[in-house]
C-alpha atoms as a PDB file:
ATOM      1  CA  UNK A   1      -0.076  -0.071  -0.095  1.00  0.00           C
ATOM      2  CA  UNK A   2       2.863   2.208   0.553  1.00  0.00           C
ATOM      3  CA  UNK A   3       3.371   2.835  -3.313  1.00  0.00           C
ATOM      4  CA  UNK A   4       0.459   5.325  -3.624  1.00  0.00           C
ATOM      5  CA  UNK A   5       1.528   9.049  -2.947  1.00  0.00           C
ATOM      6  CA  UNK A   6      -2.084   9.507  -1.457  1.00  0.00           C
ATOM      7  CA  UNK A   7      -1.767   6.798   1.771  1.00  0.00           C
ATOM      8  CA  UNK A   8      -0.029   6.251   4.434  1.00  0.00           C
ATOM      9  CA  UNK A   9       1.716   3.239   5.581  1.00  0.00           C
ATOM     10  CA  UNK A  10      -1.522   2.217   7.209  1.00  0.00           C
ATOM     11  CA  UNK A  11      -3.281   2.150   4.384  1.00  0.00           C
ATOM     12  CA  UNK A  12      -5.028   5.639   5.222  1.00  0.00           C
ATOM     13  CA  UNK A  13      -5.133   8.673   3.211  1.00  0.00           C
ATOM     14  CA  UNK A  14      -2.615  11.182   3.533  1.00  0.00           C
ATOM     15  CA  UNK A  15      -1.321  14.376   2.037  1.00  0.00           C
ATOM     16  CA  UNK A  16       2.070  14.366   0.137  1.00  0.00           C
ATOM     17  CA  UNK A  17       4.868  15.796   1.481  1.00  0.00           C
ATOM     18  CA  UNK A  18       6.056  18.678  -0.279  1.00  0.00           C
ATOM     19  CA  UNK A  19       8.386  19.882   1.732  1.00  0.00           C
ATOM     20  CA  UNK A  20      11.514  18.897  -0.205  1.00  0.00           C
ATOM     21  CA  UNK A  21      11.135  19.677  -3.543  1.00  0.00           C
ATOM     22  CA  UNK A  22      12.041  22.567  -5.530  1.00  0.00           C
ATOM     23  CA  UNK A  23      10.420  25.650  -5.966  1.00  0.00           C
ATOM     24  CA  UNK A  24       9.934  26.966  -9.970  1.00  0.00           C
ATOM     25  CA  UNK A  25       7.645  28.542 -11.462  1.00  0.00           C
ATOM     26  CA  UNK A  26       4.088  26.769 -12.861  1.00  0.00           C
ATOM     27  CA  UNK A  27       1.893  27.457 -15.216  1.00  0.00           C
ATOM     28  CA  UNK A  28      -1.163  24.877 -16.370  1.00  0.00           C
ATOM     29  CA  UNK A  29      -4.254  25.982 -18.704  1.00  0.00           C
ATOM     30  CA  UNK A  30      -7.322  23.845 -18.609  1.00  0.00           C
ATOM     31  CA  UNK A  31     -10.004  23.995 -20.945  1.00  0.00           C
ATOM     32  CA  UNK A  32     -13.726  23.310 -20.896  1.00  0.00           C
ATOM     33  CA  UNK A  33     -16.616  24.251 -22.673  1.00  0.00           C
ATOM     34  CA  UNK A  34     -20.341  24.782 -23.071  1.00  0.00           C
ATOM     35  CA  UNK A  35     -22.644  24.184 -25.734  1.00  0.00           C
ATOM     36  CA  UNK A  36     -26.000  25.939 -26.232  1.00  0.00           C
ATOM     37  CA  UNK A  37     -29.042  27.198 -28.861  1.00  0.00           C
ATOM     38  CA  UNK A  38     -29.017  30.299 -29.982  1.00  0.00           C
ATOM     39  CA  UNK A  39     -31.626  31.980 -28.016  1.00  0.00           C
ATOM     40  CA  UNK A  40     -28.752  31.678 -24.550  1.00  0.00           C
ATOM     41  CA  UNK A  41     -25.769  32.476 -27.407  1.00  0.00           C
ATOM     42  CA  UNK A  42     -27.720  35.963 -28.431  1.00  0.00           C
ATOM     43  CA  UNK A  43     -28.378  36.911 -24.520  1.00  0.00           C
ATOM     44  CA  UNK A  44     -24.751  35.935 -23.763  1.00  0.00           C
ATOM     45  CA  UNK A  45     -23.447  38.078 -26.476  1.00  0.00           C
ATOM     46  CA  UNK A  46     -26.103  40.892 -26.115  1.00  0.00           C
ATOM     47  CA  UNK A  47     -25.971  41.250 -22.571  1.00  0.00           C
ATOM     48  CA  UNK A  48     -29.319  40.667 -21.748  1.00  0.00           C
ATOM     49  CA  UNK A  49     -29.645  38.211 -19.341  1.00  0.00           C
ATOM     50  CA  UNK A  50     -31.470  39.333 -16.211  1.00  0.00           C
ATOM     51  CA  UNK A  51     -28.739  37.957 -14.150  1.00  0.00           C
ATOM     52  CA  UNK A  52     -26.237  40.201 -15.404  1.00  0.00           C
ATOM     53  CA  UNK A  53     -23.339  39.777 -17.764  1.00  0.00           C
ATOM     54  CA  UNK A  54     -22.808  36.138 -17.686  1.00  0.00           C
ATOM     55  CA  UNK A  55     -19.038  36.204 -19.011  1.00  0.00           C
ATOM     56  CA  UNK A  56     -18.063  38.924 -16.368  1.00  0.00           C
ATOM     57  CA  UNK A  57     -19.773  36.925 -13.545  1.00  0.00           C
ATOM     58  CA  UNK A  58     -18.434  33.399 -14.970  1.00  0.00           C
ATOM     59  CA  UNK A  59     -14.903  34.990 -15.043  1.00  0.00           C
ATOM     60  CA  UNK A  60     -15.245  36.127 -11.264  1.00  0.00           C
ATOM     61  CA  UNK A  61     -16.604  32.469 -10.329  1.00  0.00           C
ATOM     62  CA  UNK A  62     -13.875  30.710 -12.309  1.00  0.00           C
ATOM     63  CA  UNK A  63     -11.042  32.866 -10.206  1.00  0.00           C
ATOM     64  CA  UNK A  64     -12.378  32.491  -6.779  1.00  0.00           C
ATOM     65  CA  UNK A  65     -12.508  28.875  -7.541  1.00  0.00           C
ATOM     66  CA  UNK A  66      -8.944  28.636  -8.411  1.00  0.00           C
ATOM     67  CA  UNK A  67      -8.148  30.717  -5.212  1.00  0.00           C
ATOM     68  CA  UNK A  68     -10.181  27.729  -3.153  1.00  0.00           C
ATOM     69  CA  UNK A  69      -9.758  24.813  -4.935  1.00  0.00           C
ATOM     70  CA  UNK A  70      -7.793  22.964  -1.535  1.00  0.00           C
ATOM     71  CA  UNK A  71     -11.271  23.698   0.111  1.00  0.00           C
ATOM     72  CA  UNK A  72     -12.527  21.420  -2.437  1.00  0.00           C
ATOM     73  CA  UNK A  73     -10.389  18.832  -3.464  1.00  0.00           C
ATOM     74  CA  UNK A  74      -9.151  16.617  -0.493  1.00  0.00           C
ATOM     75  CA  UNK A  75      -5.796  15.996  -1.094  1.00  0.00           C
ATOM     76  CA  UNK A  76      -4.920  19.496  -2.633  1.00  0.00           C
ATOM     77  CA  UNK A  77      -2.349  21.880  -1.177  1.00  0.00           C
ATOM     78  CA  UNK A  78      -3.378  25.516  -0.149  1.00  0.00           C
ATOM     79  CA  UNK A  79      -1.054  27.269  -2.463  1.00  0.00           C
ATOM     80  CA  UNK A  80      -0.155  31.032  -3.420  1.00  0.00           C
ATOM     81  CA  UNK A  81      -1.671  31.707  -6.485  1.00  0.00           C
ATOM     82  CA  UNK A  82       0.365  34.514  -8.317  1.00  0.00           C
ATOM     83  CA  UNK A  83      -2.204  34.440 -11.909  1.00  0.00           C
ATOM     84  CA  UNK A  84      -5.198  33.470 -12.601  1.00  0.00           C
ATOM     85  CA  UNK A  85      -6.506  34.642 -16.205  1.00  0.00           C
ATOM     86  CA  UNK A  86      -9.775  33.047 -17.804  1.00  0.00           C
ATOM     87  CA  UNK A  87     -10.478  33.960 -21.738  1.00  0.00           C
ATOM     88  CA  UNK A  88     -13.531  32.899 -23.782  1.00  0.00           C
ATOM     89  CA  UNK A  89     -13.888  32.130 -27.748  1.00  0.00           C
ATOM     90  CA  UNK A  90     -17.482  31.238 -29.971  1.00  0.00           C
ATOM     91  CA  UNK A  91     -17.968  28.815 -32.410  1.00  0.00           C
ATOM     92  CA  UNK A  92     -20.652  28.188 -34.527  1.00  0.00           C
ATOM     93  CA  UNK A  93     -22.129  24.290 -34.676  1.00  0.00           C
ATOM     94  CA  UNK A  94     -24.942  22.795 -37.264  1.00  0.00           C
ATOM     95  CA  UNK A  95     -28.279  23.454 -35.938  1.00  0.00           C
ATOM     96  CA  UNK A  96     -28.355  27.101 -34.463  1.00  0.00           C
ATOM     97  CA  UNK A  97     -25.586  25.620 -31.376  1.00  0.00           C
ATOM     98  CA  UNK A  98     -23.211  27.248 -30.222  1.00  0.00           C
ATOM     99  CA  UNK A  99     -20.167  26.489 -28.541  1.00  0.00           C
ATOM    100  CA  UNK A 100     -18.169  28.522 -26.101  1.00  0.00           C
ATOM    101  CA  UNK A 101     -14.893  27.413 -25.126  1.00  0.00           C
ATOM    102  CA  UNK A 102     -13.053  28.089 -22.238  1.00  0.00           C
ATOM    103  CA  UNK A 103      -9.656  28.216 -21.022  1.00  0.00           C
ATOM    104  CA  UNK A 104      -8.314  29.001 -17.459  1.00  0.00           C
ATOM    105  CA  UNK A 105      -4.609  29.592 -16.955  1.00  0.00           C
ATOM    106  CA  UNK A 106      -3.114  29.576 -13.052  1.00  0.00           C
ATOM    107  CA  UNK A 107      -0.055  30.444 -12.313  1.00  0.00           C
ATOM    108  CA  UNK A 108       2.079  29.996  -9.060  1.00  0.00           C
ATOM    109  CA  UNK A 109       6.166  29.863  -8.022  1.00  0.00           C
ATOM    110  CA  UNK A 110       6.051  27.284  -5.172  1.00  0.00           C
ATOM    111  CA  UNK A 111       6.545  23.316  -4.273  1.00  0.00           C
ATOM    112  CA  UNK A 112       3.791  21.999  -6.260  1.00  0.00           C
ATOM    113  CA  UNK A 113       1.712  22.392  -9.347  1.00  0.00           C
ATOM    114  CA  UNK A 114      -1.667  24.394 -10.323  1.00  0.00           C
ATOM    115  CA  UNK A 115      -3.496  21.557 -13.021  1.00  0.00           C
ATOM    116  CA  UNK A 116      -5.872  21.219 -10.397  1.00  0.00           C
ATOM    117  CA  UNK A 117      -6.474  24.854  -9.811  1.00  0.00           C
ATOM    118  CA  UNK A 118      -6.821  25.502 -13.544  1.00  0.00           C
ATOM    119  CA  UNK A 119      -9.220  22.604 -13.501  1.00  0.00           C
ATOM    120  CA  UNK A 120     -11.619  24.046 -11.028  1.00  0.00           C
ATOM    121  CA  UNK A 121     -11.436  27.261 -12.888  1.00  0.00           C
ATOM    122  CA  UNK A 122     -12.526  26.169 -16.279  1.00  0.00           C
ATOM    123  CA  UNK A 123     -15.229  23.927 -14.433  1.00  0.00           C
ATOM    124  CA  UNK A 124     -16.575  26.352 -12.107  1.00  0.00           C
ATOM    125  CA  UNK A 125     -16.642  28.827 -14.659  1.00  0.00           C
ATOM    126  CA  UNK A 126     -18.688  26.239 -16.834  1.00  0.00           C
ATOM    127  CA  UNK A 127     -21.008  25.762 -14.280  1.00  0.00           C
ATOM    128  CA  UNK A 128     -21.683  29.256 -13.716  1.00  0.00           C
ATOM    129  CA  UNK A 129     -22.290  29.711 -17.219  1.00  0.00           C
ATOM    130  CA  UNK A 130     -25.286  27.030 -16.925  1.00  0.00           C
ATOM    131  CA  UNK A 131     -26.474  28.011 -13.423  1.00  0.00           C
ATOM    132  CA  UNK A 132     -27.210  32.051 -15.042  1.00  0.00           C
ATOM    133  CA  UNK A 133     -28.493  30.887 -18.257  1.00  0.00           C
ATOM    134  CA  UNK A 134     -30.952  27.434 -17.427  1.00  0.00           C
ATOM    135  CA  UNK A 135     -33.302  29.424 -17.347  1.00  0.00           C
ATOM    136  CA  UNK A 136     -33.255  30.245 -21.068  1.00  0.00           C
ATOM    137  CA  UNK A 137     -32.365  26.507 -21.795  1.00  0.00           C
ATOM    138  CA  UNK A 138     -32.095  23.967 -19.094  1.00  0.00           C
ATOM    139  CA  UNK A 139     -30.597  21.307 -22.118  1.00  0.00           C
ATOM    140  CA  UNK A 140     -26.819  23.171 -21.564  1.00  0.00           C
ATOM    141  CA  UNK A 141     -24.066  21.102 -22.134  1.00  0.00           C
ATOM    142  CA  UNK A 142     -21.312  21.170 -20.551  1.00  0.00           C
ATOM    143  CA  UNK A 143     -18.168  19.232 -22.755  1.00  0.00           C
ATOM    144  CA  UNK A 144     -15.066  17.638 -22.547  1.00  0.00           C
ATOM    145  CA  UNK A 145     -12.688  19.296 -19.293  1.00  0.00           C
ATOM    146  CA  UNK A 146      -9.381  18.842 -19.816  1.00  0.00           C
ATOM    147  CA  UNK A 147      -5.788  20.041 -19.070  1.00  0.00           C
ATOM    148  CA  UNK A 148      -4.248  21.304 -22.099  1.00  0.00           C
ATOM    149  CA  UNK A 149      -0.438  21.849 -21.061  1.00  0.00           C
ATOM    150  CA  UNK A 150       1.176  22.723 -17.927  1.00  0.00           C
ATOM    151  CA  UNK A 151       5.005  23.786 -17.177  1.00  0.00           C
ATOM    152  CA  UNK A 152       7.358  23.411 -14.180  1.00  0.00           C
ATOM    153  CA  UNK A 153       8.195  21.250 -11.722  1.00  0.00           C
ATOM    154  CA  UNK A 154       9.722  17.604 -11.329  1.00  0.00           C
ATOM    155  CA  UNK A 155       7.891  16.419 -13.794  1.00  0.00           C
ATOM    156  CA  UNK A 156       8.536  18.811 -16.911  1.00  0.00           C
ATOM    157  CA  UNK A 157       6.448  20.438 -19.087  1.00  0.00           C
ATOM    158  CA  UNK A 158       3.181  18.758 -20.884  1.00  0.00           C
ATOM    159  CA  UNK A 159       1.207  19.878 -23.785  1.00  0.00           C
ATOM    160  CA  UNK A 160      -1.968  17.795 -25.278  1.00  0.00           C
ATOM    161  CA  UNK A 161      -1.368  16.706 -28.729  1.00  0.00           C
ATOM    162  CA  UNK A 162      -4.891  15.650 -29.749  1.00  0.00           C
END
């Protein structure tokens, strides 16, 4: 059981000790998306949602989520985040469907990476958009969420190739 990093000698959960890890500049970019109909799309881009500016609220939610990751995921270390940036892009699909792409970039200088913070930021951003638009259409679909790239740390750089 000791081969697992998040279990102690008794097979019980533990937080990994990172005190001996080297501090380096680290960055992670995660992606998510949300698929919507034309009515929801127009409400967002024309800023006519009765709950407010959907992308502005979602962006703040994503930043807040990155900062709260250690409170949400049991074995994540609370880390000093030096930057969070969320960006959005639109794509038009068939049948008057639209995809809002969400990229969340998180940076730190520390002993552990920010992959979970970036993934949490992207996920909460998508969930916030769903929450703000569900009164228009409950059929919104949150798309795949994944790590696009990361840099820094012992394991080196990663960039998704597919």
